[in-house]
Amino acid sequence: MRGEWKGLQALIIQECPYAYYVHCFAHQLQLALVAAAKEVVDVHAFFQSLSNIINVVCSSCKRNDELRSAYATEIFHLVATNQIEIGRGANQIGTLKTSGDTRWSSHFNSICSLLRMFGAITSVIEDLATNGSTYSQRGDATYALKSLLSFDFVFILHMMKEIMGITDKLCQALQQKSQDILNAMHLVSSTKSLIQQLKDSSWGALLEKVSSFCNDHAIQIPDMGASFSDIIRSRRKKDVVTVEHHYRVDIFTSVIDFQLKELNSRFSEQATELLILSTSLDPKDAFKLFSVCNICNLAKNFYSLDFSEQEKIQLDYELQHYELDVVKAPDFQNLSTLAEFNN
């Protein structure tokens, strides 16, 4: 919860000591995950470069047209040489997706489109760096090209595609107007597991994919066994590490750890259990998810002070009557939300 809302949370707890706080689903989770990734300085620099590259390519209709033309030429060549297949809906000519701080999944879309159109984008920026009409156009394009064709940028581009590809389905589910909480909580669990699997077993595959991409686009690959040094490490005289250690530990592992920390802070085990149990009260589809056991566990695990031991015993039997009598009453058949049920 952001700082400005902590006072509100405290007031609610003061008035209702047994209230439980669950992080707001409406907040754009993927943007928060991007912000968490930017805690790693190299990733912050990557998103700055990504924004700059998009601005250079998409700043005018003429450049967008040039990009489409370059991409169409590339697709034609790949089809002619049997490097890609053709089919209905395949290889459509699009453009580079812009990213924004308030648009859902815009960063993920930008990354995917940049990877898909990498060759065409490089061609357009190279031409602008050489033939731009002003020194500022040529300078901006040259700076963007240096970033685009660096191993750092390409490595983080692929890494963020993998991470955001895993989290995107959850982010989209949480933005649906009609929340399927049970499905969303299962997605939370699977997202955490897949992110952990990425950290534990996907480093080798990622590095191989990045190296192959660099070879295809004539991008220099650093010697992974060489000593790594940058301006901060050299000035602070830190312990010598290899280039491989820098990319694997300082970037790859660190970014994933920040992702897991963000997910765990927003979806704690207690909050997840509370939401799953609460779905038993959902009247949608004639109380399809109604569960006597889950509601009893909800009372026992989360609202124990609201019920005496005798009331907890009675609740089980009362809910059995409720399931047979009240749930099947005509007045309850068309309810779809808890708000309608409470009214």
Protein backbone atom coordinates (compact mmCIF):
# COMPACT_ATOMS: atom_id res chain seq x y z
CA MET A 1 0.00 0.00 0.00
CA ARG A 2 1.30 3.41 -0.95
CA GLY A 3 2.20 5.84 1.84
CA GLU A 4 -0.76 8.15 1.39
CA TRP A 5 -3.19 5.29 2.12
CA LYS A 6 -1.48 3.92 5.23
CA GLY A 7 -3.35 6.40 7.44
CA LEU A 8 -6.66 5.20 6.01
CA GLN A 9 -5.69 1.59 6.67
CA ALA A 10 -4.87 2.49 10.30
CA LEU A 11 -8.26 4.21 10.77
CA ILE A 12 -10.11 1.18 9.42
CA ILE A 13 -8.19 -1.16 11.72
CA GLN A 14 -8.95 1.15 14.66
CA GLU A 15 -12.69 1.01 13.95
CA CYS A 16 -12.70 -2.68 12.99
CA PRO A 17 -9.81 -4.57 14.64
CA TYR A 18 -10.64 -7.80 12.79
CA ALA A 19 -10.56 -6.29 9.32
CA TYR A 20 -8.04 -7.85 6.94
CA TYR A 21 -6.02 -5.91 4.40
CA VAL A 22 -5.60 -7.31 0.89
CA HIS A 23 -3.66 -5.26 -1.64
CA CYS A 24 -5.85 -3.47 -4.16
CA PHE A 25 -6.25 -5.56 -7.33
CA ALA A 26 -7.12 -2.43 -9.31
CA HIS A 27 -3.54 -1.22 -9.00
CA GLN A 28 -1.66 -2.11 -12.15
CA LEU A 29 0.44 -5.02 -11.00
CA GLN A 30 2.65 -5.20 -14.05
CA LEU A 31 3.69 -1.58 -13.69
CA ALA A 32 4.57 -2.32 -10.07
CA LEU A 33 6.63 -5.31 -11.24
CA VAL A 34 8.40 -3.09 -13.76
CA ALA A 35 9.15 -0.64 -10.95
CA ALA A 36 10.49 -3.53 -8.84
CA ALA A 37 12.74 -4.64 -11.71
CA LYS A 38 14.08 -1.09 -12.02
CA GLU A 39 15.56 -1.49 -8.54
CA VAL A 40 18.37 -3.14 -10.49
CA VAL A 41 20.26 -0.21 -12.02
CA ASP A 42 20.99 -1.98 -15.31
CA VAL A 43 17.27 -2.65 -15.82
CA HIS A 44 16.41 0.98 -15.08
CA ALA A 45 18.95 1.99 -17.75
CA PHE A 46 17.39 -0.54 -20.13
CA PHE A 47 13.92 1.00 -19.84
CA GLN A 48 15.42 4.44 -20.38
CA SER A 49 17.07 3.17 -23.56
CA LEU A 50 13.87 1.40 -24.63
CA SER A 51 11.92 4.63 -24.31
CA ASN A 52 14.59 6.52 -26.26
CA ILE A 53 14.62 3.96 -29.10
CA ILE A 54 10.82 4.05 -29.36
CA ASN A 55 10.85 7.86 -29.45
CA VAL A 56 13.44 7.91 -32.23
CA VAL A 57 11.55 5.40 -34.39
CA CYS A 58 7.97 6.52 -33.69
CA SER A 59 8.37 10.28 -33.53
CA SER A 60 6.88 10.84 -36.99
CA CYS A 61 4.48 9.19 -39.44
CA LYS A 62 7.29 9.08 -42.01
CA ARG A 63 9.48 6.94 -39.73
CA ASN A 64 6.58 4.64 -38.95
CA ASP A 65 6.05 4.18 -42.68
CA GLU A 66 9.77 3.50 -43.15
CA LEU A 67 9.63 0.93 -40.36
CA ARG A 68 6.65 -0.86 -41.92
CA SER A 69 8.39 -0.87 -45.29
CA ALA A 70 11.64 -2.24 -43.81
CA TYR A 71 9.76 -4.92 -41.89
CA ALA A 72 7.75 -5.91 -44.97
CA THR A 73 11.00 -6.28 -46.93
CA GLU A 74 12.48 -8.41 -44.14
CA ILE A 75 9.40 -10.65 -44.00
CA PHE A 76 9.42 -11.05 -47.79
CA HIS A 77 13.08 -12.12 -47.71
CA LEU A 78 12.50 -14.61 -44.86
CA VAL A 79 9.52 -16.16 -46.64
CA ALA A 80 11.43 -16.32 -49.95
CA THR A 81 14.33 -18.15 -48.26
CA ASN A 82 11.96 -20.50 -46.36
CA GLN A 83 13.14 -19.22 -42.97
CA ILE A 84 9.58 -18.59 -41.82
CA GLU A 85 6.21 -20.04 -42.80
CA ILE A 86 3.29 -18.13 -44.20
CA GLY A 87 -0.29 -18.56 -43.11
CA ARG A 88 -3.48 -16.76 -42.30
CA GLY A 89 -2.82 -14.11 -39.65
CA ALA A 90 0.91 -14.83 -39.55
CA ASN A 91 3.66 -12.24 -40.03
CA GLN A 92 1.30 -9.28 -40.18
CA ILE A 93 2.97 -5.93 -40.74
CA GLY A 94 2.59 -3.86 -37.60
CA THR A 95 4.62 -1.16 -35.93
CA LEU A 96 6.65 -0.67 -32.78
CA LYS A 97 4.39 -0.54 -29.72
CA THR A 98 4.92 2.44 -27.46
CA SER A 99 5.20 2.01 -23.69
CA GLY A 100 3.56 4.18 -21.08
CA ASP A 101 3.47 4.37 -17.30
CA THR A 102 -0.34 4.20 -17.15
CA ARG A 103 -1.21 1.77 -19.94
CA TRP A 104 -1.74 -1.88 -19.07
CA SER A 105 0.87 -4.31 -20.44
CA SER A 106 2.37 -1.57 -22.61
CA HIS A 107 5.94 -2.42 -21.55
CA PHE A 108 5.46 -6.10 -22.41
CA ASN A 109 3.95 -5.20 -25.81
CA SER A 110 6.86 -2.84 -26.54
CA ILE A 111 9.41 -5.53 -25.73
CA CYS A 112 7.66 -8.16 -27.88
CA SER A 113 7.27 -5.87 -30.87
CA LEU A 114 10.88 -4.67 -30.62
CA LEU A 115 12.15 -8.26 -30.63
CA ARG A 116 9.89 -9.16 -33.54
CA MET A 117 10.96 -6.12 -35.62
CA PHE A 118 14.54 -5.84 -34.39
CA GLY A 119 16.14 -6.02 -37.83
CA ALA A 120 13.80 -3.48 -39.38
CA ILE A 121 14.18 -1.11 -36.42
CA THR A 122 17.96 -1.34 -36.68
CA SER A 123 17.76 -0.54 -40.39
CA VAL A 124 15.59 2.55 -39.84
CA ILE A 125 17.78 3.92 -37.05
CA GLU A 126 20.98 3.26 -39.01
CA ASP A 127 19.60 5.20 -41.95
CA LEU A 128 18.54 8.07 -39.69
CA ALA A 129 21.97 8.15 -37.99
CA THR A 130 23.59 8.53 -41.40
CA ASN A 131 21.08 10.59 -43.36
CA GLY A 132 19.10 12.53 -40.76
CA SER A 133 18.34 16.08 -41.86
CA THR A 134 19.65 17.68 -38.65
CA TYR A 135 22.55 17.03 -36.30
CA SER A 136 20.09 16.37 -33.44
CA GLN A 137 18.32 13.66 -35.47
CA ARG A 138 21.63 12.04 -36.38
CA GLY A 139 22.89 12.33 -32.79
CA ASP A 140 19.73 10.90 -31.23
CA ALA A 141 19.70 8.03 -33.73
CA THR A 142 23.39 7.25 -33.15
CA TYR A 143 22.87 7.14 -29.39
CA ALA A 144 19.79 4.90 -29.80
CA LEU A 145 21.68 2.60 -32.17
CA LYS A 146 24.55 2.14 -29.70
CA SER A 147 22.06 1.09 -27.04
CA LEU A 148 20.07 -1.16 -29.37
CA LEU A 149 23.14 -3.08 -30.55
CA SER A 150 24.72 -3.55 -27.11
CA PHE A 151 24.81 -6.95 -25.41
CA ASP A 152 23.46 -5.36 -22.20
CA PHE A 153 20.31 -4.15 -23.94
CA VAL A 154 19.70 -7.39 -25.83
CA PHE A 155 20.25 -9.52 -22.74
CA ILE A 156 17.80 -7.52 -20.60
CA LEU A 157 15.34 -7.34 -23.52
CA HIS A 158 15.14 -11.15 -23.62
CA MET A 159 15.16 -11.50 -19.83
CA MET A 160 12.27 -9.06 -19.33
CA LYS A 161 10.29 -10.76 -22.10
CA GLU A 162 10.53 -14.05 -20.18
CA ILE A 163 9.63 -12.48 -16.83
CA MET A 164 6.79 -10.32 -18.10
CA GLY A 165 5.47 -13.14 -20.27
CA ILE A 166 4.98 -15.17 -17.09
CA THR A 167 3.34 -12.35 -15.13
CA ASP A 168 1.19 -10.94 -17.95
CA LYS A 169 -1.63 -13.51 -17.66
CA LEU A 170 -2.04 -12.75 -13.95
CA CYS A 171 -1.94 -9.01 -14.57
CA GLN A 172 -4.64 -9.29 -17.22
CA ALA A 173 -6.83 -11.49 -15.01
CA LEU A 174 -6.70 -8.97 -12.17
CA GLN A 175 -7.90 -6.23 -14.49
CA GLN A 176 -11.09 -8.02 -15.51
CA LYS A 177 -14.23 -6.18 -14.41
CA SER A 178 -15.82 -9.49 -13.45
CA GLN A 179 -13.32 -10.96 -11.03
CA ASP A 180 -12.89 -14.73 -10.88
CA ILE A 181 -11.06 -14.66 -7.55
CA LEU A 182 -10.49 -18.40 -7.37
CA ASN A 183 -8.89 -18.47 -10.82
CA ALA A 184 -6.86 -15.35 -9.99
CA MET A 185 -5.48 -16.94 -6.82
CA HIS A 186 -4.49 -20.06 -8.75
CA LEU A 187 -2.72 -17.76 -11.21
CA VAL A 188 -0.89 -16.10 -8.32
CA SER A 189 0.40 -19.49 -7.20
CA SER A 190 1.41 -20.63 -10.70
CA THR A 191 3.05 -17.26 -11.45
CA LYS A 192 5.21 -17.47 -8.33
CA SER A 193 6.18 -21.06 -9.19
CA LEU A 194 7.08 -20.23 -12.79
CA ILE A 195 9.14 -17.21 -11.75
CA GLN A 196 11.01 -19.41 -9.25
CA GLN A 197 11.57 -22.06 -11.95
CA LEU A 198 12.94 -19.36 -14.25
CA LYS A 199 15.46 -18.42 -11.57
CA ASP A 200 16.42 -22.00 -10.70
CA SER A 201 16.74 -23.64 -14.10
CA SER A 202 16.50 -21.23 -17.04
CA TRP A 203 19.76 -19.28 -16.93
CA GLY A 204 21.54 -21.52 -19.44
CA ALA A 205 18.65 -21.49 -21.92
CA LEU A 206 18.31 -17.70 -21.66
CA LEU A 207 22.02 -17.10 -22.27
CA GLU A 208 21.96 -19.47 -25.25
CA LYS A 209 18.94 -17.67 -26.73
CA VAL A 210 20.57 -14.27 -26.26
CA SER A 211 23.86 -15.46 -27.78
CA SER A 212 22.06 -16.89 -30.82
CA PHE A 213 20.17 -13.61 -31.29
CA CYS A 214 23.40 -11.61 -31.05
CA ASN A 215 25.07 -13.83 -33.65
CA ASP A 216 22.11 -13.35 -36.00
CA HIS A 217 22.33 -9.56 -35.67
CA ALA A 218 26.13 -9.15 -35.57
CA ILE A 219 26.17 -7.98 -31.94
CA GLN A 220 29.40 -8.54 -30.02
CA ILE A 221 29.16 -11.09 -27.20
CA PRO A 222 31.45 -10.50 -24.23
CA ASP A 223 33.73 -13.23 -22.91
CA MET A 224 31.72 -14.67 -20.01
CA GLY A 225 34.84 -15.90 -18.28
CA ALA A 226 36.60 -12.54 -18.33
CA SER A 227 36.76 -10.22 -15.32
CA PHE A 228 33.89 -7.76 -15.17
CA SER A 229 34.47 -4.11 -14.39
CA ASP A 230 32.36 -1.00 -14.63
CA ILE A 231 32.86 2.54 -13.38
CA ILE A 232 31.17 1.90 -10.00
CA ARG A 233 32.91 -1.40 -9.30
CA SER A 234 36.33 -0.06 -10.31
CA ARG A 235 36.03 3.12 -8.21
CA ARG A 236 34.86 1.22 -5.14
CA LYS A 237 37.47 -1.50 -5.67
CA LYS A 238 34.96 -4.27 -5.21
CA ASP A 239 35.91 -7.94 -5.43
CA VAL A 240 36.62 -9.11 -8.95
CA VAL A 241 33.79 -11.07 -10.55
CA THR A 242 33.38 -12.59 -14.00
CA VAL A 243 31.17 -11.18 -16.74
CA GLU A 244 29.00 -14.28 -16.40
CA HIS A 245 28.55 -13.59 -12.66
CA HIS A 246 27.52 -10.01 -13.40
CA TYR A 247 24.75 -11.02 -15.81
CA ARG A 248 23.63 -14.10 -13.88
CA VAL A 249 23.78 -12.81 -10.29
CA ASP A 250 23.81 -9.01 -10.42
CA ILE A 251 21.06 -8.77 -13.03
CA PHE A 252 19.16 -12.02 -13.72
CA THR A 253 18.91 -13.34 -10.15
CA SER A 254 18.45 -9.90 -8.59
CA VAL A 255 15.58 -8.94 -10.89
CA ILE A 256 13.75 -12.20 -10.25
CA ASP A 257 14.22 -11.82 -6.49
CA PHE A 258 12.62 -8.37 -6.68
CA GLN A 259 9.73 -9.84 -8.69
CA LEU A 260 9.12 -12.55 -6.11
CA LYS A 261 9.36 -10.05 -3.27
CA GLU A 262 6.75 -7.83 -4.95
CA LEU A 263 4.39 -10.74 -5.59
CA ASN A 264 4.77 -12.05 -2.05
CA SER A 265 4.13 -8.60 -0.55
CA ARG A 266 0.93 -8.20 -2.56
CA PHE A 267 -0.30 -11.77 -2.24
CA SER A 268 0.75 -13.16 1.14
CA GLU A 269 -0.31 -16.69 2.09
CA GLN A 270 -2.83 -15.24 4.55
CA ALA A 271 -4.38 -12.91 1.97
CA THR A 272 -4.53 -15.68 -0.62
CA GLU A 273 -6.22 -18.09 1.78
CA LEU A 274 -8.71 -15.42 2.87
CA LEU A 275 -9.71 -14.69 -0.73
CA ILE A 276 -9.99 -18.37 -1.68
CA LEU A 277 -12.19 -19.14 1.30
CA SER A 278 -14.28 -16.03 0.65
CA THR A 279 -15.21 -17.29 -2.82
CA SER A 280 -17.54 -19.75 -1.08
CA LEU A 281 -19.83 -16.78 -0.38
CA ASP A 282 -20.02 -15.82 -4.07
CA PRO A 283 -23.67 -16.14 -5.21
CA LYS A 284 -22.75 -16.31 -8.90
CA ASP A 285 -24.21 -19.24 -10.88
CA ALA A 286 -26.63 -20.17 -8.09
CA PHE A 287 -23.91 -20.37 -5.42
CA LYS A 288 -21.87 -22.87 -7.42
CA LEU A 289 -18.80 -22.30 -5.21
CA PHE A 290 -20.72 -22.55 -1.92
CA SER A 291 -18.80 -24.72 0.57
CA VAL A 292 -19.78 -25.35 4.16
CA CYS A 293 -16.25 -26.48 4.99
CA ASN A 294 -14.63 -23.34 3.53
CA ILE A 295 -17.00 -20.97 5.32
CA CYS A 296 -16.39 -22.75 8.62
CA ASN A 297 -12.63 -22.46 8.02
CA LEU A 298 -13.11 -18.77 7.23
CA ALA A 299 -14.80 -18.26 10.61
CA LYS A 300 -12.23 -20.40 12.43
CA ASN A 301 -9.04 -19.05 10.84
CA PHE A 302 -9.90 -15.39 10.29
CA TYR A 303 -12.81 -14.43 12.54
CA SER A 304 -12.32 -16.67 15.54
CA LEU A 305 -12.94 -13.84 18.00
CA ASP A 306 -16.34 -13.17 16.44
CA PHE A 307 -17.61 -16.67 17.23
CA SER A 308 -17.70 -18.63 20.48
CA GLU A 309 -16.69 -22.29 20.38
CA GLN A 310 -20.34 -23.31 20.58
CA GLU A 311 -21.26 -20.93 17.75
CA LYS A 312 -18.55 -22.45 15.56
CA ILE A 313 -20.07 -25.89 16.13
CA GLN A 314 -23.56 -24.59 15.38
CA LEU A 315 -22.36 -22.75 12.27
CA ASP A 316 -21.55 -26.02 10.53
CA TYR A 317 -25.10 -27.33 10.91
CA GLU A 318 -26.74 -23.99 10.16
CA LEU A 319 -24.81 -23.76 6.90
CA GLN A 320 -25.96 -27.23 5.91
CA HIS A 321 -29.58 -26.06 6.30
CA TYR A 322 -28.70 -22.85 4.49
CA GLU A 323 -27.23 -24.75 1.55
CA LEU A 324 -30.42 -26.75 1.08
CA ASP A 325 -33.06 -24.14 1.85
CA VAL A 326 -31.93 -20.55 1.29
CA VAL A 327 -29.53 -21.01 -1.64
CA LYS A 328 -32.23 -22.67 -3.72
CA ALA A 329 -34.82 -19.98 -3.02
CA PRO A 330 -36.02 -18.16 -6.20
CA ASP A 331 -34.94 -14.75 -4.85
CA PHE A 332 -31.33 -15.90 -4.77
CA GLN A 333 -31.12 -17.53 -8.20
CA ASN A 334 -30.19 -14.45 -10.22
CA LEU A 335 -27.60 -12.91 -7.90
CA SER A 336 -24.13 -12.43 -9.36
CA THR A 337 -22.17 -10.40 -6.79
CA LEU A 338 -21.64 -10.28 -3.04
CA ALA A 339 -22.95 -6.72 -3.03
CA GLU A 340 -26.32 -7.90 -4.40
CA PHE A 341 -26.34 -10.75 -1.90
CA ASN A 342 -25.76 -8.36 1.04
CA ASN A 343 -28.61 -6.13 -0.07
